[in-house]
Amino acid sequence: MRNVHMILFVTMALIHTSCLSTLLGTKETRSRDYKMPLPGPGWEAIDPAESDAAYRNSVDKAILNVSSQCGGERYRALEDLSEDVLKQLPENTIKAPAKAQTIGGHPGLVTAAEGMVDGEPLNVQIAVIRTPTCIYDIILAGRSLDQTSRAAFDQALAGFSDGSKQ
């Protein structure tokens, strides 16, 4: 049941951020050009719901997913977009200051937070990446994130490529 609520959190976060295009009056599409390495052994593909792809770690049951929203230019700050995702996590607390970094040659922001789902703690790492045409969210969520989950998240960021000329 807790996995269902974790999937629901991730899905609601993605729906919330993808609805921004409706508010901003842009046409929403998903990217077909990006590449992100598969998480590796011990991860299985699961129903991505509203995201582009989702995987579950067989060790700690964490979920790693990626979503893309493309259309008109995005003018909102990466901090605001990350905050929109975190609004879906009840009682969320930022664990450390968000870290700006270049991901796939584009500006990105990585945020680590924790919150509560069904009275249980949920740890979340979120990367929001802005390219000239799309916004990408890479989200890792789990009750406890072991080294294999953290490594898969880091590998996803290190291997991310959107296919645009940089």
N, C-alpha and C. Protein backbone atom coordinates (compact mmCIF):
# COMPACT_ATOMS: atom_id res chain seq x y z
N MET A 1 0.82 -1.19 0.00
CA MET A 1 0.00 0.00 0.00
C MET A 1 0.87 1.26 0.00
N ARG A 2 1.99 1.20 0.72
CA ARG A 2 2.87 2.38 0.75
C ARG A 2 3.45 2.67 -0.63
N ASN A 3 3.76 1.59 -1.40
CA ASN A 3 4.26 1.81 -2.75
C ASN A 3 3.20 2.49 -3.61
N VAL A 4 1.94 2.16 -3.39
CA VAL A 4 0.87 2.79 -4.14
C VAL A 4 0.85 4.28 -3.84
N HIS A 5 1.00 4.65 -2.56
CA HIS A 5 1.01 6.07 -2.19
C HIS A 5 2.25 6.78 -2.72
N MET A 6 3.38 6.10 -2.76
CA MET A 6 4.59 6.71 -3.31
C MET A 6 4.39 6.93 -4.81
N ILE A 7 3.82 5.96 -5.51
CA ILE A 7 3.55 6.12 -6.94
C ILE A 7 2.56 7.26 -7.13
N LEU A 8 1.56 7.33 -6.27
CA LEU A 8 0.58 8.41 -6.36
C LEU A 8 1.25 9.77 -6.17
N PHE A 9 2.18 9.90 -5.20
CA PHE A 9 2.90 11.16 -5.00
C PHE A 9 3.65 11.55 -6.27
N VAL A 10 4.40 10.62 -6.82
CA VAL A 10 5.19 10.91 -8.02
C VAL A 10 4.26 11.28 -9.18
N THR A 11 3.17 10.54 -9.34
CA THR A 11 2.23 10.83 -10.42
C THR A 11 1.60 12.21 -10.24
N MET A 12 1.15 12.53 -9.03
CA MET A 12 0.53 13.83 -8.79
C MET A 12 1.54 14.96 -9.00
N ALA A 13 2.77 14.75 -8.62
CA ALA A 13 3.79 15.78 -8.85
C ALA A 13 3.98 16.02 -10.34
N LEU A 14 3.99 14.96 -11.10
CA LEU A 14 4.18 15.10 -12.54
C LEU A 14 2.96 15.73 -13.21
N ILE A 15 1.77 15.35 -12.77
CA ILE A 15 0.57 15.95 -13.32
C ILE A 15 0.55 17.44 -13.00
N HIS A 16 0.91 17.79 -11.77
CA HIS A 16 0.89 19.19 -11.36
C HIS A 16 1.85 20.02 -12.20
N THR A 17 3.06 19.54 -12.43
CA THR A 17 4.01 20.32 -13.22
C THR A 17 3.64 20.32 -14.69
N SER A 18 3.06 19.24 -15.19
CA SER A 18 2.70 19.23 -16.61
C SER A 18 1.50 20.14 -16.88
N CYS A 19 0.68 20.40 -15.88
CA CYS A 19 -0.45 21.29 -16.05
C CYS A 19 -0.02 22.74 -16.17
N LEU A 20 1.21 23.04 -15.85
CA LEU A 20 1.70 24.41 -15.97
C LEU A 20 1.56 24.92 -17.39
N SER A 21 1.72 24.04 -18.38
CA SER A 21 1.62 24.47 -19.76
C SER A 21 0.22 24.99 -20.07
N THR A 22 -0.78 24.37 -19.47
CA THR A 22 -2.14 24.85 -19.68
C THR A 22 -2.30 26.25 -19.11
N LEU A 23 -1.77 26.47 -17.91
CA LEU A 23 -1.85 27.78 -17.29
C LEU A 23 -1.07 28.82 -18.07
N LEU A 24 0.05 28.42 -18.65
CA LEU A 24 0.89 29.35 -19.38
C LEU A 24 0.46 29.49 -20.84
N GLY A 25 -0.51 28.70 -21.27
CA GLY A 25 -1.02 28.81 -22.63
C GLY A 25 -0.09 28.23 -23.67
N THR A 26 0.68 27.22 -23.32
CA THR A 26 1.59 26.59 -24.27
C THR A 26 1.06 25.21 -24.63
N LYS A 27 1.47 24.70 -25.77
CA LYS A 27 1.08 23.35 -26.17
C LYS A 27 2.03 22.36 -25.51
N GLU A 28 1.48 21.37 -24.87
CA GLU A 28 2.27 20.41 -24.12
C GLU A 28 2.55 19.16 -24.96
N THR A 29 3.79 18.78 -25.05
CA THR A 29 4.17 17.53 -25.67
C THR A 29 5.30 16.93 -24.86
N ARG A 30 5.57 15.68 -25.10
CA ARG A 30 6.70 15.01 -24.45
C ARG A 30 7.86 14.97 -25.42
N SER A 31 9.04 14.97 -24.87
CA SER A 31 10.24 14.88 -25.69
C SER A 31 10.43 13.44 -26.17
N ARG A 32 10.89 13.31 -27.38
CA ARG A 32 11.24 11.98 -27.90
C ARG A 32 12.74 11.88 -28.13
N ASP A 33 13.45 12.97 -27.86
CA ASP A 33 14.86 13.04 -28.22
C ASP A 33 15.84 12.80 -27.07
N TYR A 34 15.37 12.76 -25.83
CA TYR A 34 16.33 12.66 -24.73
C TYR A 34 16.76 11.21 -24.51
N LYS A 35 17.89 11.10 -23.86
CA LYS A 35 18.43 9.79 -23.47
C LYS A 35 18.80 9.85 -22.00
N MET A 36 18.50 8.77 -21.31
CA MET A 36 18.87 8.63 -19.91
C MET A 36 19.22 7.16 -19.71
N PRO A 37 20.36 6.88 -19.09
CA PRO A 37 20.73 5.47 -18.92
C PRO A 37 19.72 4.72 -18.06
N LEU A 38 19.53 3.44 -18.38
CA LEU A 38 18.68 2.60 -17.54
C LEU A 38 19.34 2.46 -16.18
N PRO A 39 18.53 2.30 -15.12
CA PRO A 39 19.11 2.26 -13.77
C PRO A 39 20.05 1.08 -13.50
N GLY A 40 19.90 -0.02 -14.20
CA GLY A 40 20.83 -1.13 -14.00
C GLY A 40 20.19 -2.34 -13.33
N PRO A 41 21.04 -3.31 -12.93
CA PRO A 41 20.53 -4.54 -12.32
C PRO A 41 19.74 -4.25 -11.04
N GLY A 42 18.69 -5.02 -10.83
CA GLY A 42 17.88 -4.85 -9.63
C GLY A 42 16.74 -3.86 -9.79
N TRP A 43 16.65 -3.23 -10.94
CA TRP A 43 15.57 -2.28 -11.22
C TRP A 43 14.65 -2.89 -12.27
N GLU A 44 13.34 -2.72 -12.08
CA GLU A 44 12.39 -3.21 -13.06
C GLU A 44 11.53 -2.04 -13.55
N ALA A 45 11.20 -2.08 -14.83
CA ALA A 45 10.31 -1.06 -15.39
C ALA A 45 8.91 -1.27 -14.82
N ILE A 46 8.26 -0.16 -14.46
CA ILE A 46 6.89 -0.22 -13.96
C ILE A 46 6.03 0.74 -14.78
N ASP A 47 4.74 0.69 -14.57
CA ASP A 47 3.83 1.58 -15.28
C ASP A 47 4.21 3.02 -14.98
N PRO A 48 4.54 3.81 -16.00
CA PRO A 48 4.99 5.17 -15.75
C PRO A 48 3.88 6.17 -15.46
N ALA A 49 2.62 5.75 -15.56
CA ALA A 49 1.48 6.66 -15.34
C ALA A 49 1.65 7.88 -16.24
N GLU A 50 1.76 9.07 -15.69
CA GLU A 50 1.88 10.29 -16.48
C GLU A 50 3.32 10.64 -16.84
N SER A 51 4.27 9.90 -16.33
CA SER A 51 5.67 10.20 -16.65
C SER A 51 6.08 9.46 -17.93
N ASP A 52 7.30 9.72 -18.39
CA ASP A 52 7.80 9.06 -19.60
C ASP A 52 8.27 7.64 -19.32
N ALA A 53 8.91 7.45 -18.18
CA ALA A 53 9.43 6.13 -17.80
C ALA A 53 9.55 6.06 -16.29
N ALA A 54 9.39 4.86 -15.73
CA ALA A 54 9.51 4.67 -14.28
C ALA A 54 10.07 3.30 -14.00
N TYR A 55 10.85 3.23 -12.92
CA TYR A 55 11.53 1.99 -12.53
C TYR A 55 11.45 1.83 -11.01
N ARG A 56 11.40 0.56 -10.55
CA ARG A 56 11.40 0.27 -9.11
C ARG A 56 12.62 -0.55 -8.77
N ASN A 57 13.29 -0.16 -7.69
CA ASN A 57 14.46 -0.87 -7.18
C ASN A 57 13.97 -2.06 -6.36
N SER A 58 14.43 -3.26 -6.67
CA SER A 58 14.00 -4.46 -5.95
C SER A 58 14.58 -4.52 -4.54
N VAL A 59 15.63 -3.75 -4.27
CA VAL A 59 16.27 -3.78 -2.95
C VAL A 59 15.51 -2.91 -1.95
N ASP A 60 15.41 -1.62 -2.22
CA ASP A 60 14.78 -0.71 -1.26
C ASP A 60 13.40 -0.22 -1.70
N LYS A 61 12.91 -0.71 -2.84
CA LYS A 61 11.58 -0.38 -3.39
C LYS A 61 11.44 1.08 -3.80
N ALA A 62 12.55 1.79 -3.93
CA ALA A 62 12.51 3.18 -4.39
C ALA A 62 12.03 3.22 -5.84
N ILE A 63 11.48 4.36 -6.23
CA ILE A 63 11.02 4.56 -7.60
C ILE A 63 11.81 5.70 -8.22
N LEU A 64 12.30 5.45 -9.43
CA LEU A 64 13.01 6.45 -10.22
C LEU A 64 12.19 6.69 -11.47
N ASN A 65 11.86 7.96 -11.73
CA ASN A 65 11.14 8.22 -12.97
C ASN A 65 11.61 9.51 -13.62
N VAL A 66 11.25 9.63 -14.88
CA VAL A 66 11.60 10.82 -15.65
C VAL A 66 10.37 11.27 -16.42
N SER A 67 10.19 12.57 -16.49
CA SER A 67 9.12 13.13 -17.30
C SER A 67 9.65 14.33 -18.06
N SER A 68 9.01 14.60 -19.17
CA SER A 68 9.39 15.75 -19.98
C SER A 68 8.14 16.53 -20.35
N GLN A 69 8.27 17.83 -20.39
CA GLN A 69 7.21 18.71 -20.84
C GLN A 69 7.83 19.69 -21.81
N CYS A 70 7.34 19.68 -23.04
CA CYS A 70 7.90 20.53 -24.08
C CYS A 70 6.80 21.40 -24.67
N GLY A 71 7.18 22.44 -25.29
CA GLY A 71 6.22 23.35 -25.92
C GLY A 71 6.84 24.72 -25.97
N GLY A 72 6.09 25.70 -25.53
CA GLY A 72 6.61 27.06 -25.48
C GLY A 72 7.74 27.16 -24.48
N GLU A 73 8.48 28.23 -24.55
CA GLU A 73 9.60 28.41 -23.63
C GLU A 73 9.10 28.49 -22.20
N ARG A 74 9.86 27.99 -21.31
CA ARG A 74 9.54 28.01 -19.88
C ARG A 74 10.33 29.14 -19.24
N TYR A 75 9.60 30.07 -18.64
CA TYR A 75 10.27 31.22 -18.03
C TYR A 75 10.36 31.13 -16.52
N ARG A 76 9.69 30.15 -15.94
CA ARG A 76 9.71 30.04 -14.48
C ARG A 76 11.06 29.55 -14.00
N ALA A 77 11.43 30.01 -12.84
CA ALA A 77 12.71 29.62 -12.24
C ALA A 77 12.69 28.13 -11.90
N LEU A 78 13.86 27.50 -11.99
CA LEU A 78 13.97 26.09 -11.63
C LEU A 78 13.55 25.87 -10.18
N GLU A 79 13.83 26.83 -9.31
CA GLU A 79 13.43 26.73 -7.90
C GLU A 79 11.91 26.64 -7.79
N ASP A 80 11.20 27.43 -8.59
CA ASP A 80 9.73 27.40 -8.56
C ASP A 80 9.19 26.07 -9.07
N LEU A 81 9.80 25.55 -10.12
CA LEU A 81 9.36 24.27 -10.66
C LEU A 81 9.61 23.14 -9.66
N SER A 82 10.76 23.17 -8.98
CA SER A 82 11.04 22.16 -7.95
C SER A 82 10.05 22.28 -6.81
N GLU A 83 9.75 23.50 -6.43
CA GLU A 83 8.79 23.72 -5.35
C GLU A 83 7.41 23.17 -5.71
N ASP A 84 7.02 23.31 -6.98
CA ASP A 84 5.73 22.76 -7.42
C ASP A 84 5.68 21.24 -7.24
N VAL A 85 6.78 20.57 -7.53
CA VAL A 85 6.84 19.11 -7.34
C VAL A 85 6.73 18.79 -5.85
N LEU A 86 7.47 19.53 -5.02
CA LEU A 86 7.50 19.24 -3.59
C LEU A 86 6.18 19.56 -2.89
N LYS A 87 5.35 20.41 -3.48
CA LYS A 87 4.05 20.71 -2.88
C LYS A 87 3.20 19.46 -2.76
N GLN A 88 3.49 18.46 -3.57
CA GLN A 88 2.72 17.21 -3.55
C GLN A 88 3.17 16.28 -2.43
N LEU A 89 4.26 16.59 -1.76
CA LEU A 89 4.79 15.76 -0.67
C LEU A 89 4.36 16.36 0.67
N PRO A 90 3.44 15.70 1.39
CA PRO A 90 2.99 16.26 2.66
C PRO A 90 4.13 16.44 3.66
N GLU A 91 4.03 17.52 4.41
CA GLU A 91 5.00 17.81 5.49
C GLU A 91 6.43 17.77 4.98
N ASN A 92 6.68 18.32 3.80
CA ASN A 92 8.03 18.22 3.25
C ASN A 92 8.98 19.21 3.91
N THR A 93 10.22 18.75 4.01
CA THR A 93 11.31 19.54 4.55
C THR A 93 12.50 19.38 3.60
N ILE A 94 13.09 20.48 3.21
CA ILE A 94 14.30 20.43 2.37
C ILE A 94 15.46 19.99 3.26
N LYS A 95 16.19 18.95 2.83
CA LYS A 95 17.27 18.39 3.63
C LYS A 95 18.56 19.22 3.56
N ALA A 96 18.77 19.87 2.43
CA ALA A 96 19.96 20.70 2.24
C ALA A 96 19.62 21.72 1.16
N PRO A 97 20.36 22.81 1.09
CA PRO A 97 20.07 23.79 0.03
C PRO A 97 20.10 23.13 -1.35
N ALA A 98 19.18 23.54 -2.22
CA ALA A 98 19.15 23.01 -3.58
C ALA A 98 20.47 23.32 -4.26
N LYS A 99 20.91 22.40 -5.10
CA LYS A 99 22.22 22.54 -5.74
C LYS A 99 22.05 22.76 -7.24
N ALA A 100 22.49 23.92 -7.70
CA ALA A 100 22.48 24.20 -9.14
C ALA A 100 23.64 23.43 -9.78
N GLN A 101 23.38 22.78 -10.88
CA GLN A 101 24.44 22.08 -11.59
C GLN A 101 24.08 21.95 -13.06
N THR A 102 25.09 21.73 -13.86
CA THR A 102 24.88 21.51 -15.29
C THR A 102 24.60 20.03 -15.49
N ILE A 103 23.49 19.73 -16.16
CA ILE A 103 23.09 18.35 -16.41
C ILE A 103 22.88 18.21 -17.91
N GLY A 104 23.67 17.39 -18.55
CA GLY A 104 23.57 17.22 -20.00
C GLY A 104 23.83 18.51 -20.75
N GLY A 105 24.63 19.39 -20.18
CA GLY A 105 24.95 20.65 -20.82
C GLY A 105 23.91 21.74 -20.61
N HIS A 106 22.95 21.50 -19.73
CA HIS A 106 21.86 22.44 -19.50
C HIS A 106 21.75 22.78 -18.01
N PRO A 107 21.15 23.92 -17.69
CA PRO A 107 20.98 24.27 -16.28
C PRO A 107 20.02 23.30 -15.59
N GLY A 108 20.40 22.90 -14.39
CA GLY A 108 19.57 22.00 -13.61
C GLY A 108 19.62 22.39 -12.15
N LEU A 109 18.68 21.88 -11.41
CA LEU A 109 18.62 22.12 -9.97
C LEU A 109 18.26 20.80 -9.31
N VAL A 110 19.08 20.38 -8.34
CA VAL A 110 18.86 19.13 -7.63
C VAL A 110 18.49 19.46 -6.18
N THR A 111 17.37 18.88 -5.74
CA THR A 111 16.86 19.14 -4.40
C THR A 111 16.61 17.82 -3.70
N ALA A 112 17.05 17.73 -2.44
CA ALA A 112 16.77 16.56 -1.61
C ALA A 112 15.80 17.00 -0.52
N ALA A 113 14.75 16.21 -0.33
CA ALA A 113 13.73 16.55 0.66
C ALA A 113 13.22 15.27 1.32
N GLU A 114 12.50 15.48 2.39
CA GLU A 114 11.81 14.36 3.02
C GLU A 114 10.43 14.84 3.43
N GLY A 115 9.51 13.90 3.51
CA GLY A 115 8.14 14.22 3.90
C GLY A 115 7.51 12.98 4.49
N MET A 116 6.21 13.03 4.68
CA MET A 116 5.48 11.92 5.27
C MET A 116 4.36 11.47 4.33
N VAL A 117 4.25 10.16 4.15
CA VAL A 117 3.15 9.56 3.39
C VAL A 117 2.60 8.42 4.25
N ASP A 118 1.35 8.50 4.61
CA ASP A 118 0.72 7.49 5.49
C ASP A 118 1.49 7.32 6.79
N GLY A 119 1.98 8.41 7.34
CA GLY A 119 2.71 8.35 8.60
C GLY A 119 4.11 7.79 8.50
N GLU A 120 4.56 7.48 7.31
CA GLU A 120 5.89 6.94 7.07
C GLU A 120 6.75 7.99 6.36
N PRO A 121 8.03 8.05 6.69
CA PRO A 121 8.90 9.01 6.00
C PRO A 121 9.12 8.62 4.54
N LEU A 122 9.23 9.62 3.69
CA LEU A 122 9.54 9.41 2.28
C LEU A 122 10.67 10.36 1.92
N ASN A 123 11.77 9.81 1.43
CA ASN A 123 12.91 10.59 0.98
C ASN A 123 12.81 10.79 -0.52
N VAL A 124 13.10 12.00 -0.97
CA VAL A 124 12.94 12.35 -2.37
C VAL A 124 14.16 13.14 -2.84
N GLN A 125 14.63 12.80 -4.03
CA GLN A 125 15.63 13.60 -4.74
C GLN A 125 15.00 14.00 -6.06
N ILE A 126 15.05 15.28 -6.37
CA ILE A 126 14.43 15.81 -7.57
C ILE A 126 15.47 16.58 -8.36
N ALA A 127 15.54 16.31 -9.65
CA ALA A 127 16.36 17.12 -10.56
C ALA A 127 15.42 17.73 -11.59
N VAL A 128 15.48 19.04 -11.73
CA VAL A 128 14.71 19.75 -12.76
C VAL A 128 15.73 20.32 -13.73
N ILE A 129 15.54 20.02 -15.01
CA ILE A 129 16.49 20.41 -16.06
C ILE A 129 15.77 21.24 -17.10
N ARG A 130 16.36 22.37 -17.47
CA ARG A 130 15.77 23.23 -18.50
C ARG A 130 16.63 23.17 -19.75
N THR A 131 16.01 22.82 -20.87
CA THR A 131 16.68 22.86 -22.17
C THR A 131 16.00 23.97 -22.98
N PRO A 132 16.47 24.26 -24.16
CA PRO A 132 15.83 25.33 -24.94
C PRO A 132 14.34 25.08 -25.24
N THR A 133 13.93 23.81 -25.27
CA THR A 133 12.54 23.52 -25.65
C THR A 133 11.73 22.74 -24.62
N CYS A 134 12.39 22.16 -23.62
CA CYS A 134 11.68 21.29 -22.68
C CYS A 134 12.15 21.49 -21.24
N ILE A 135 11.31 21.03 -20.33
CA ILE A 135 11.66 20.90 -18.92
C ILE A 135 11.62 19.40 -18.63
N TYR A 136 12.61 18.91 -17.92
CA TYR A 136 12.67 17.50 -17.53
C TYR A 136 12.71 17.41 -16.02
N ASP A 137 12.00 16.43 -15.48
CA ASP A 137 12.04 16.13 -14.05
C ASP A 137 12.53 14.70 -13.91
N ILE A 138 13.56 14.52 -13.12
CA ILE A 138 14.01 13.17 -12.75
C ILE A 138 13.79 13.08 -11.25
N ILE A 139 12.98 12.12 -10.82
CA ILE A 139 12.60 12.01 -9.42
C ILE A 139 12.95 10.63 -8.89
N LEU A 140 13.59 10.61 -7.72
CA LEU A 140 13.86 9.38 -6.98
C LEU A 140 13.11 9.50 -5.66
N ALA A 141 12.28 8.51 -5.33
CA ALA A 141 11.50 8.56 -4.09
C ALA A 141 11.47 7.19 -3.44
N GLY A 142 11.66 7.16 -2.13
CA GLY A 142 11.61 5.91 -1.39
C GLY A 142 11.63 6.16 0.11
N ARG A 143 11.16 5.17 0.86
CA ARG A 143 11.18 5.30 2.33
C ARG A 143 12.61 5.43 2.82
N SER A 144 13.47 4.61 2.31
CA SER A 144 14.90 4.75 2.59
C SER A 144 15.61 4.53 1.26
N LEU A 145 16.55 5.37 0.97
CA LEU A 145 17.25 5.29 -0.31
C LEU A 145 18.63 4.68 -0.06
N ASP A 146 18.81 3.43 -0.50
CA ASP A 146 20.11 2.81 -0.30
C ASP A 146 21.09 3.26 -1.39
N GLN A 147 22.29 2.76 -1.32
CA GLN A 147 23.34 3.20 -2.24
C GLN A 147 23.01 2.88 -3.70
N THR A 148 22.30 1.77 -3.96
CA THR A 148 21.97 1.45 -5.35
C THR A 148 20.98 2.46 -5.92
N SER A 149 20.07 2.94 -5.11
CA SER A 149 19.12 3.96 -5.58
C SER A 149 19.82 5.29 -5.81
N ARG A 150 20.65 5.69 -4.88
CA ARG A 150 21.38 6.96 -5.04
C ARG A 150 22.30 6.90 -6.26
N ALA A 151 22.93 5.74 -6.48
CA ALA A 151 23.81 5.59 -7.64
C ALA A 151 23.01 5.66 -8.95
N ALA A 152 21.82 5.07 -8.97
CA ALA A 152 20.99 5.12 -10.18
C ALA A 152 20.56 6.55 -10.48
N PHE A 153 20.23 7.33 -9.45
CA PHE A 153 19.86 8.73 -9.64
C PHE A 153 21.05 9.52 -10.19
N ASP A 154 22.21 9.33 -9.57
CA ASP A 154 23.42 10.02 -10.03
C ASP A 154 23.77 9.63 -11.47
N GLN A 155 23.61 8.34 -11.79
CA GLN A 155 23.89 7.84 -13.14
C GLN A 155 22.91 8.45 -14.15
N ALA A 156 21.64 8.59 -13.74
CA ALA A 156 20.64 9.20 -14.62
C ALA A 156 21.03 10.64 -14.95
N LEU A 157 21.48 11.39 -13.95
CA LEU A 157 21.88 12.77 -14.18
C LEU A 157 23.15 12.85 -15.03
N ALA A 158 24.12 11.99 -14.72
CA ALA A 158 25.40 12.02 -15.46
C ALA A 158 25.22 11.62 -16.91
N GLY A 159 24.27 10.74 -17.20
CA GLY A 159 24.09 10.24 -18.55
C GLY A 159 22.97 10.91 -19.33
N PHE A 160 22.33 11.91 -18.72
CA PHE A 160 21.21 12.57 -19.38
C PHE A 160 21.69 13.36 -20.60
N SER A 161 20.95 13.23 -21.69
CA SER A 161 21.22 13.97 -22.92
C SER A 161 19.88 14.22 -23.60
N ASP A 162 19.66 15.45 -24.06
CA ASP A 162 18.37 15.76 -24.68
C ASP A 162 18.41 15.81 -26.20
N GLY A 163 19.56 15.64 -26.80
CA GLY A 163 19.65 15.61 -28.25
C GLY A 163 19.74 16.98 -28.90
N SER A 164 19.69 18.05 -28.12
CA SER A 164 19.79 19.37 -28.72
C SER A 164 21.26 19.73 -28.91
N LYS A 165 21.49 20.65 -29.81
CA LYS A 165 22.85 21.14 -30.02
C LYS A 165 23.13 22.16 -28.93
N GLN A 166 24.23 21.95 -28.23
CA GLN A 166 24.55 22.80 -27.08
C GLN A 166 25.68 23.75 -27.41
